[in-house]
Amino acid sequence: MKKLSIIFGLLAVLLSDIMCAVVAYNYRDMLCGIEHAGYSAPSGTAFLLVIPYAIGIAICIVLAIVFKKKAR
């Protein structure tokens, strides 16, 4: 159980890093698109991508805590 706790903790950290990279890339892409191609979506819509990643991170943290408590 302790190994599962560590795995889900690391997975939460990895997901947060991936989330930051994806949101930053899409935010930059939307800013460049507005300047050059005239996209109608505002650049703030890139932050909607945070929602599924935040749910996944929360699930990983909860599972890490549960497995850590069961390991005791």
PDB file of N, CA and C in Angstrom:
ATOM      1  N   MET A   1       0.814  -1.194   0.000  1.00  0.00           N
ATOM      2  CA  MET A   1       0.000   0.000   0.000  1.00  0.00           C
ATOM      3  C   MET A   1       0.862   1.265   0.000  1.00  0.00           C
ATOM      4  N   LYS A   2       2.026   1.190   0.633  1.00  0.00           N
ATOM      5  CA  LYS A   2       2.883   2.364   0.674  1.00  0.00           C
ATOM      6  C   LYS A   2       3.385   2.717  -0.724  1.00  0.00           C
ATOM      7  N   LYS A   3       3.664   1.686  -1.524  1.00  0.00           N
ATOM      8  CA  LYS A   3       4.120   1.942  -2.893  1.00  0.00           C
ATOM      9  C   LYS A   3       3.028   2.622  -3.707  1.00  0.00           C
ATOM     10  N   LEU A   4       1.778   2.194  -3.505  1.00  0.00           N
ATOM     11  CA  LEU A   4       0.670   2.834  -4.223  1.00  0.00           C
ATOM     12  C   LEU A   4       0.512   4.287  -3.798  1.00  0.00           C
ATOM     13  N   SER A   5       0.728   4.564  -2.527  1.00  0.00           N
ATOM     14  CA  SER A   5       0.657   5.939  -2.040  1.00  0.00           C
ATOM     15  C   SER A   5       1.703   6.807  -2.725  1.00  0.00           C
ATOM     16  N   ILE A   6       2.906   6.279  -2.828  1.00  0.00           N
ATOM     17  CA  ILE A   6       3.982   7.029  -3.478  1.00  0.00           C
ATOM     18  C   ILE A   6       3.698   7.212  -4.967  1.00  0.00           C
ATOM     19  N   ILE A   7       3.199   6.175  -5.604  1.00  0.00           N
ATOM     20  CA  ILE A   7       2.896   6.251  -7.037  1.00  0.00           C
ATOM     21  C   ILE A   7       1.833   7.312  -7.316  1.00  0.00           C
ATOM     22  N   PHE A   8       0.759   7.318  -6.524  1.00  0.00           N
ATOM     23  CA  PHE A   8      -0.288   8.302  -6.757  1.00  0.00           C
ATOM     24  C   PHE A   8       0.161   9.709  -6.386  1.00  0.00           C
ATOM     25  N   GLY A   9       1.047   9.846  -5.406  1.00  0.00           N
ATOM     26  CA  GLY A   9       1.608  11.156  -5.090  1.00  0.00           C
ATOM     27  C   GLY A   9       2.447  11.689  -6.239  1.00  0.00           C
ATOM     28  N   LEU A  10       3.281  10.817  -6.790  1.00  0.00           N
ATOM     29  CA  LEU A  10       4.101  11.225  -7.939  1.00  0.00           C
ATOM     30  C   LEU A  10       3.241  11.517  -9.173  1.00  0.00           C
ATOM     31  N   LEU A  11       2.185  10.742  -9.337  1.00  0.00           N
ATOM     32  CA  LEU A  11       1.279  10.974 -10.457  1.00  0.00           C
ATOM     33  C   LEU A  11       0.583  12.328 -10.342  1.00  0.00           C
ATOM     34  N   ALA A  12       0.244  12.727  -9.124  1.00  0.00           N
ATOM     35  CA  ALA A  12      -0.375  14.045  -8.914  1.00  0.00           C
ATOM     36  C   ALA A  12       0.597  15.159  -9.295  1.00  0.00           C
ATOM     37  N   VAL A  13       1.863  15.001  -8.913  1.00  0.00           N
ATOM     38  CA  VAL A  13       2.871  16.007  -9.263  1.00  0.00           C
ATOM     39  C   VAL A  13       3.089  16.042 -10.780  1.00  0.00           C
ATOM     40  N   LEU A  14       3.156  14.877 -11.387  1.00  0.00           N
ATOM     41  CA  LEU A  14       3.342  14.801 -12.837  1.00  0.00           C
ATOM     42  C   LEU A  14       2.163  15.432 -13.578  1.00  0.00           C
ATOM     43  N   LEU A  15       0.960  15.154 -13.112  1.00  0.00           N
ATOM     44  CA  LEU A  15      -0.221  15.761 -13.747  1.00  0.00           C
ATOM     45  C   LEU A  15      -0.215  17.277 -13.616  1.00  0.00           C
ATOM     46  N   SER A  16       0.233  17.788 -12.482  1.00  0.00           N
ATOM     47  CA  SER A  16       0.266  19.242 -12.324  1.00  0.00           C
ATOM     48  C   SER A  16       1.277  19.880 -13.277  1.00  0.00           C
ATOM     49  N   ASP A  17       2.410  19.211 -13.480  1.00  0.00           N
ATOM     50  CA  ASP A  17       3.400  19.732 -14.428  1.00  0.00           C
ATOM     51  C   ASP A  17       2.873  19.702 -15.864  1.00  0.00           C
ATOM     52  N   ILE A  18       2.219  18.611 -16.221  1.00  0.00           N
ATOM     53  CA  ILE A  18       1.643  18.498 -17.563  1.00  0.00           C
ATOM     54  C   ILE A  18       0.544  19.539 -17.756  1.00  0.00           C
ATOM     55  N   MET A  19      -0.268  19.750 -16.711  1.00  0.00           N
ATOM     56  CA  MET A  19      -1.334  20.738 -16.785  1.00  0.00           C
ATOM     57  C   MET A  19      -0.755  22.122 -17.060  1.00  0.00           C
ATOM     58  N   CYS A  20       0.295  22.495 -16.359  1.00  0.00           N
ATOM     59  CA  CYS A  20       0.913  23.807 -16.566  1.00  0.00           C
ATOM     60  C   CYS A  20       1.432  23.960 -17.991  1.00  0.00           C
ATOM     61  N   ALA A  21       2.058  22.917 -18.505  1.00  0.00           N
ATOM     62  CA  ALA A  21       2.602  22.983 -19.861  1.00  0.00           C
ATOM     63  C   ALA A  21       1.491  23.107 -20.902  1.00  0.00           C
ATOM     64  N   VAL A  22       0.426  22.339 -20.752  1.00  0.00           N
ATOM     65  CA  VAL A  22      -0.669  22.359 -21.727  1.00  0.00           C
ATOM     66  C   VAL A  22      -1.387  23.708 -21.708  1.00  0.00           C
ATOM     67  N   VAL A  23      -1.668  24.211 -20.521  1.00  0.00           N
ATOM     68  CA  VAL A  23      -2.376  25.490 -20.428  1.00  0.00           C
ATOM     69  C   VAL A  23      -1.500  26.623 -20.963  1.00  0.00           C
ATOM     70  N   ALA A  24      -0.219  26.612 -20.633  1.00  0.00           N
ATOM     71  CA  ALA A  24       0.677  27.665 -21.129  1.00  0.00           C
ATOM     72  C   ALA A  24       0.787  27.622 -22.646  1.00  0.00           C
ATOM     73  N   TYR A  25       0.889  26.427 -23.217  1.00  0.00           N
ATOM     74  CA  TYR A  25       0.985  26.302 -24.670  1.00  0.00           C
ATOM     75  C   TYR A  25      -0.294  26.808 -25.341  1.00  0.00           C
ATOM     76  N   ASN A  26      -1.442  26.399 -24.824  1.00  0.00           N
ATOM     77  CA  ASN A  26      -2.700  26.828 -25.431  1.00  0.00           C
ATOM     78  C   ASN A  26      -2.953  28.317 -25.230  1.00  0.00           C
ATOM     79  N   TYR A  27      -2.534  28.861 -24.105  1.00  0.00           N
ATOM     80  CA  TYR A  27      -2.689  30.293 -23.863  1.00  0.00           C
ATOM     81  C   TYR A  27      -1.847  31.083 -24.860  1.00  0.00           C
ATOM     82  N   ARG A  28      -0.595  30.640 -25.044  1.00  0.00           N
ATOM     83  CA  ARG A  28       0.276  31.315 -26.006  1.00  0.00           C
ATOM     84  C   ARG A  28      -0.269  31.182 -27.425  1.00  0.00           C
ATOM     85  N   ASP A  29      -0.776  29.985 -27.741  1.00  0.00           N
ATOM     86  CA  ASP A  29      -1.314  29.737 -29.070  1.00  0.00           C
ATOM     87  C   ASP A  29      -2.523  30.626 -29.343  1.00  0.00           C
ATOM     88  N   MET A  30      -3.376  30.804 -28.340  1.00  0.00           N
ATOM     89  CA  MET A  30      -4.555  31.645 -28.526  1.00  0.00           C
ATOM     90  C   MET A  30      -4.172  33.104 -28.641  1.00  0.00           C
ATOM     91  N   LEU A  31      -3.151  33.544 -27.901  1.00  0.00           N
ATOM     92  CA  LEU A  31      -2.710  34.929 -28.018  1.00  0.00           C
ATOM     93  C   LEU A  31      -2.157  35.207 -29.409  1.00  0.00           C
ATOM     94  N   CYS A  32      -1.351  34.290 -29.921  1.00  0.00           N
ATOM     95  CA  CYS A  32      -0.805  34.467 -31.265  1.00  0.00           C
ATOM     96  C   CYS A  32      -1.906  34.389 -32.312  1.00  0.00           C
ATOM     97  N   GLY A  33      -2.893  33.529 -32.085  1.00  0.00           N
ATOM     98  CA  GLY A  33      -3.998  33.407 -33.022  1.00  0.00           C
ATOM     99  C   GLY A  33      -4.844  34.656 -33.074  1.00  0.00           C
ATOM    100  N   ILE A  34      -5.027  35.301 -31.936  1.00  0.00           N
ATOM    101  CA  ILE A  34      -5.821  36.532 -31.898  1.00  0.00           C
ATOM    102  C   ILE A  34      -5.091  37.631 -32.655  1.00  0.00           C
ATOM    103  N   GLU A  35      -3.787  37.701 -32.480  1.00  0.00           N
ATOM    104  CA  GLU A  35      -3.018  38.754 -33.135  1.00  0.00           C
ATOM    105  C   GLU A  35      -2.926  38.566 -34.642  1.00  0.00           C
ATOM    106  N   HIS A  36      -2.788  37.313 -35.087  1.00  0.00           N
ATOM    107  CA  HIS A  36      -2.493  37.085 -36.493  1.00  0.00           C
ATOM    108  C   HIS A  36      -3.658  36.543 -37.307  1.00  0.00           C
ATOM    109  N   ALA A  37      -4.486  35.711 -36.722  1.00  0.00           N
ATOM    110  CA  ALA A  37      -5.541  35.081 -37.506  1.00  0.00           C
ATOM    111  C   ALA A  37      -6.933  35.587 -37.142  1.00  0.00           C
ATOM    112  N   GLY A  38      -7.054  36.333 -36.056  1.00  0.00           N
ATOM    113  CA  GLY A  38      -8.340  36.886 -35.675  1.00  0.00           C
ATOM    114  C   GLY A  38      -9.307  35.876 -35.094  1.00  0.00           C
ATOM    115  N   TYR A  39      -8.821  34.946 -34.267  1.00  0.00           N
ATOM    116  CA  TYR A  39      -9.703  33.984 -33.613  1.00  0.00           C
ATOM    117  C   TYR A  39     -10.710  34.733 -32.747  1.00  0.00           C
ATOM    118  N   SER A  40     -11.898  34.148 -32.610  1.00  0.00           N
ATOM    119  CA  SER A  40     -12.926  34.813 -31.827  1.00  0.00           C
ATOM    120  C   SER A  40     -12.901  34.409 -30.357  1.00  0.00           C
ATOM    121  N   ALA A  41     -12.271  33.294 -30.023  1.00  0.00           N
ATOM    122  CA  ALA A  41     -12.243  32.848 -28.629  1.00  0.00           C
ATOM    123  C   ALA A  41     -11.229  33.660 -27.838  1.00  0.00           C
ATOM    124  N   PRO A  42     -11.609  34.125 -26.654  1.00  0.00           N
ATOM    125  CA  PRO A  42     -10.636  34.854 -25.839  1.00  0.00           C
ATOM    126  C   PRO A  42      -9.573  33.914 -25.295  1.00  0.00           C
ATOM    127  N   SER A  43      -8.411  34.462 -25.012  1.00  0.00           N
ATOM    128  CA  SER A  43      -7.298  33.632 -24.565  1.00  0.00           C
ATOM    129  C   SER A  43      -7.556  33.002 -23.200  1.00  0.00           C
ATOM    130  N   GLY A  44      -8.461  33.562 -22.425  1.00  0.00           N
ATOM    131  CA  GLY A  44      -8.783  33.007 -21.117  1.00  0.00           C
ATOM    132  C   GLY A  44      -9.454  31.648 -21.184  1.00  0.00           C
ATOM    133  N   THR A  45      -9.976  31.280 -22.339  1.00  0.00           N
ATOM    134  CA  THR A  45     -10.606  29.971 -22.461  1.00  0.00           C
ATOM    135  C   THR A  45      -9.589  28.834 -22.357  1.00  0.00           C
ATOM    136  N   ALA A  46      -8.314  29.149 -22.522  1.00  0.00           N
ATOM    137  CA  ALA A  46      -7.282  28.127 -22.347  1.00  0.00           C
ATOM    138  C   ALA A  46      -7.277  27.612 -20.915  1.00  0.00           C
ATOM    139  N   PHE A  47      -7.712  28.446 -19.968  1.00  0.00           N
ATOM    140  CA  PHE A  47      -7.717  28.044 -18.570  1.00  0.00           C
ATOM    141  C   PHE A  47      -8.842  27.060 -18.253  1.00  0.00           C
ATOM    142  N   LEU A  48      -9.762  26.836 -19.175  1.00  0.00           N
ATOM    143  CA  LEU A  48     -10.782  25.811 -18.969  1.00  0.00           C
ATOM    144  C   LEU A  48     -10.172  24.414 -18.995  1.00  0.00           C
ATOM    145  N   LEU A  49      -8.988  24.302 -19.568  1.00  0.00           N
ATOM    146  CA  LEU A  49      -8.298  23.013 -19.592  1.00  0.00           C
ATOM    147  C   LEU A  49      -7.825  22.594 -18.203  1.00  0.00           C
ATOM    148  N   VAL A  50      -7.817  23.532 -17.266  1.00  0.00           N
ATOM    149  CA  VAL A  50      -7.396  23.226 -15.902  1.00  0.00           C
ATOM    150  C   VAL A  50      -8.387  22.282 -15.224  1.00  0.00           C
ATOM    151  N   ILE A  51      -9.668  22.364 -15.574  1.00  0.00           N
ATOM    152  CA  ILE A  51     -10.712  21.622 -14.874  1.00  0.00           C
ATOM    153  C   ILE A  51     -10.480  20.111 -14.877  1.00  0.00           C
ATOM    154  N   PRO A  52     -10.298  19.453 -16.031  1.00  0.00           N
ATOM    155  CA  PRO A  52     -10.086  17.999 -15.969  1.00  0.00           C
ATOM    156  C   PRO A  52      -8.782  17.604 -15.277  1.00  0.00           C
ATOM    157  N   TYR A  53      -7.739  18.415 -15.456  1.00  0.00           N
ATOM    158  CA  TYR A  53      -6.481  18.114 -14.782  1.00  0.00           C
ATOM    159  C   TYR A  53      -6.631  18.265 -13.270  1.00  0.00           C
ATOM    160  N   ALA A  54      -7.341  19.293 -12.825  1.00  0.00           N
ATOM    161  CA  ALA A  54      -7.544  19.499 -11.387  1.00  0.00           C
ATOM    162  C   ALA A  54      -8.331  18.349 -10.775  1.00  0.00           C
ATOM    163  N   ILE A  55      -9.313  17.845 -11.507  1.00  0.00           N
ATOM    164  CA  ILE A  55     -10.073  16.692 -11.015  1.00  0.00           C
ATOM    165  C   ILE A  55      -9.164  15.477 -10.886  1.00  0.00           C
ATOM    166  N   GLY A  56      -8.336  15.235 -11.886  1.00  0.00           N
ATOM    167  CA  GLY A  56      -7.407  14.113 -11.834  1.00  0.00           C
ATOM    168  C   GLY A  56      -6.394  14.241 -10.714  1.00  0.00           C
ATOM    169  N   ILE A  57      -5.891  15.453 -10.498  1.00  0.00           N
ATOM    170  CA  ILE A  57      -4.932  15.686  -9.419  1.00  0.00           C
ATOM    171  C   ILE A  57      -5.593  15.446  -8.066  1.00  0.00           C
ATOM    172  N   ALA A  58      -6.824  15.942  -7.911  1.00  0.00           N
ATOM    173  CA  ALA A  58      -7.544  15.743  -6.649  1.00  0.00           C
ATOM    174  C   ALA A  58      -7.772  14.257  -6.374  1.00  0.00           C
ATOM    175  N   ILE A  59      -8.146  13.512  -7.393  1.00  0.00           N
ATOM    176  CA  ILE A  59      -8.361  12.068  -7.225  1.00  0.00           C
ATOM    177  C   ILE A  59      -7.060  11.378  -6.824  1.00  0.00           C
ATOM    178  N   CYS A  60      -5.959  11.747  -7.462  1.00  0.00           N
ATOM    179  CA  CYS A  60      -4.666  11.138  -7.127  1.00  0.00           C
ATOM    180  C   CYS A  60      -4.256  11.459  -5.689  1.00  0.00           C
ATOM    181  N   ILE A  61      -4.487  12.687  -5.257  1.00  0.00           N
ATOM    182  CA  ILE A  61      -4.133  13.065  -3.889  1.00  0.00           C
ATOM    183  C   ILE A  61      -4.971  12.295  -2.883  1.00  0.00           C
ATOM    184  N   VAL A  62      -6.272  12.189  -3.151  1.00  0.00           N
ATOM    185  CA  VAL A  62      -7.153  11.440  -2.237  1.00  0.00           C
ATOM    186  C   VAL A  62      -6.723   9.982  -2.171  1.00  0.00           C
ATOM    187  N   LEU A  63      -6.441   9.370  -3.316  1.00  0.00           N
ATOM    188  CA  LEU A  63      -6.003   7.980  -3.319  1.00  0.00           C
ATOM    189  C   LEU A  63      -4.663   7.804  -2.600  1.00  0.00           C
ATOM    190  N   ALA A  64      -3.752   8.754  -2.764  1.00  0.00           N
ATOM    191  CA  ALA A  64      -2.464   8.673  -2.072  1.00  0.00           C
ATOM    192  C   ALA A  64      -2.669   8.731  -0.556  1.00  0.00           C
ATOM    193  N   ILE A  65      -3.559   9.594  -0.106  1.00  0.00           N
ATOM    194  CA  ILE A  65      -3.835   9.699   1.329  1.00  0.00           C
ATOM    195  C   ILE A  65      -4.490   8.426   1.852  1.00  0.00           C
ATOM    196  N   VAL A  66      -5.441   7.899   1.108  1.00  0.00           N
ATOM    197  CA  VAL A  66      -6.125   6.666   1.537  1.00  0.00           C
ATOM    198  C   VAL A  66      -5.155   5.510   1.617  1.00  0.00           C
ATOM    199  N   PHE A  67      -4.304   5.349   0.610  1.00  0.00           N
ATOM    200  CA  PHE A  67      -3.357   4.247   0.628  1.00  0.00           C
ATOM    201  C   PHE A  67      -2.297   4.424   1.727  1.00  0.00           C
ATOM    202  N   LYS A  68      -1.952   5.680   2.014  1.00  0.00           N
ATOM    203  CA  LYS A  68      -0.976   5.921   3.077  1.00  0.00           C
ATOM    204  C   LYS A  68      -1.572   5.555   4.435  1.00  0.00           C
ATOM    205  N   LYS A  69      -2.858   5.881   4.643  1.00  0.00           N
ATOM    206  CA  LYS A  69      -3.506   5.523   5.897  1.00  0.00           C
ATOM    207  C   LYS A  69      -3.672   4.016   6.036  1.00  0.00           C
ATOM    208  N   LYS A  70      -3.947   3.331   4.930  1.00  0.00           N
ATOM    209  CA  LYS A  70      -4.091   1.872   4.980  1.00  0.00           C
ATOM    210  C   LYS A  70      -2.757   1.179   5.202  1.00  0.00           C
ATOM    211  N   ALA A  71      -1.661   1.835   4.818  1.00  0.00           N
ATOM    212  CA  ALA A  71      -0.335   1.249   4.991  1.00  0.00           C
ATOM    213  C   ALA A  71       0.080   1.241   6.461  1.00  0.00           C
ATOM    214  N   ARG A  72      -0.498   2.115   7.250  1.00  0.00           N
ATOM    215  CA  ARG A  72      -0.148   2.181   8.679  1.00  0.00           C
ATOM    216  C   ARG A  72      -0.747   1.043   9.368  1.00  0.00           C
TER     217      ARG A  72
END
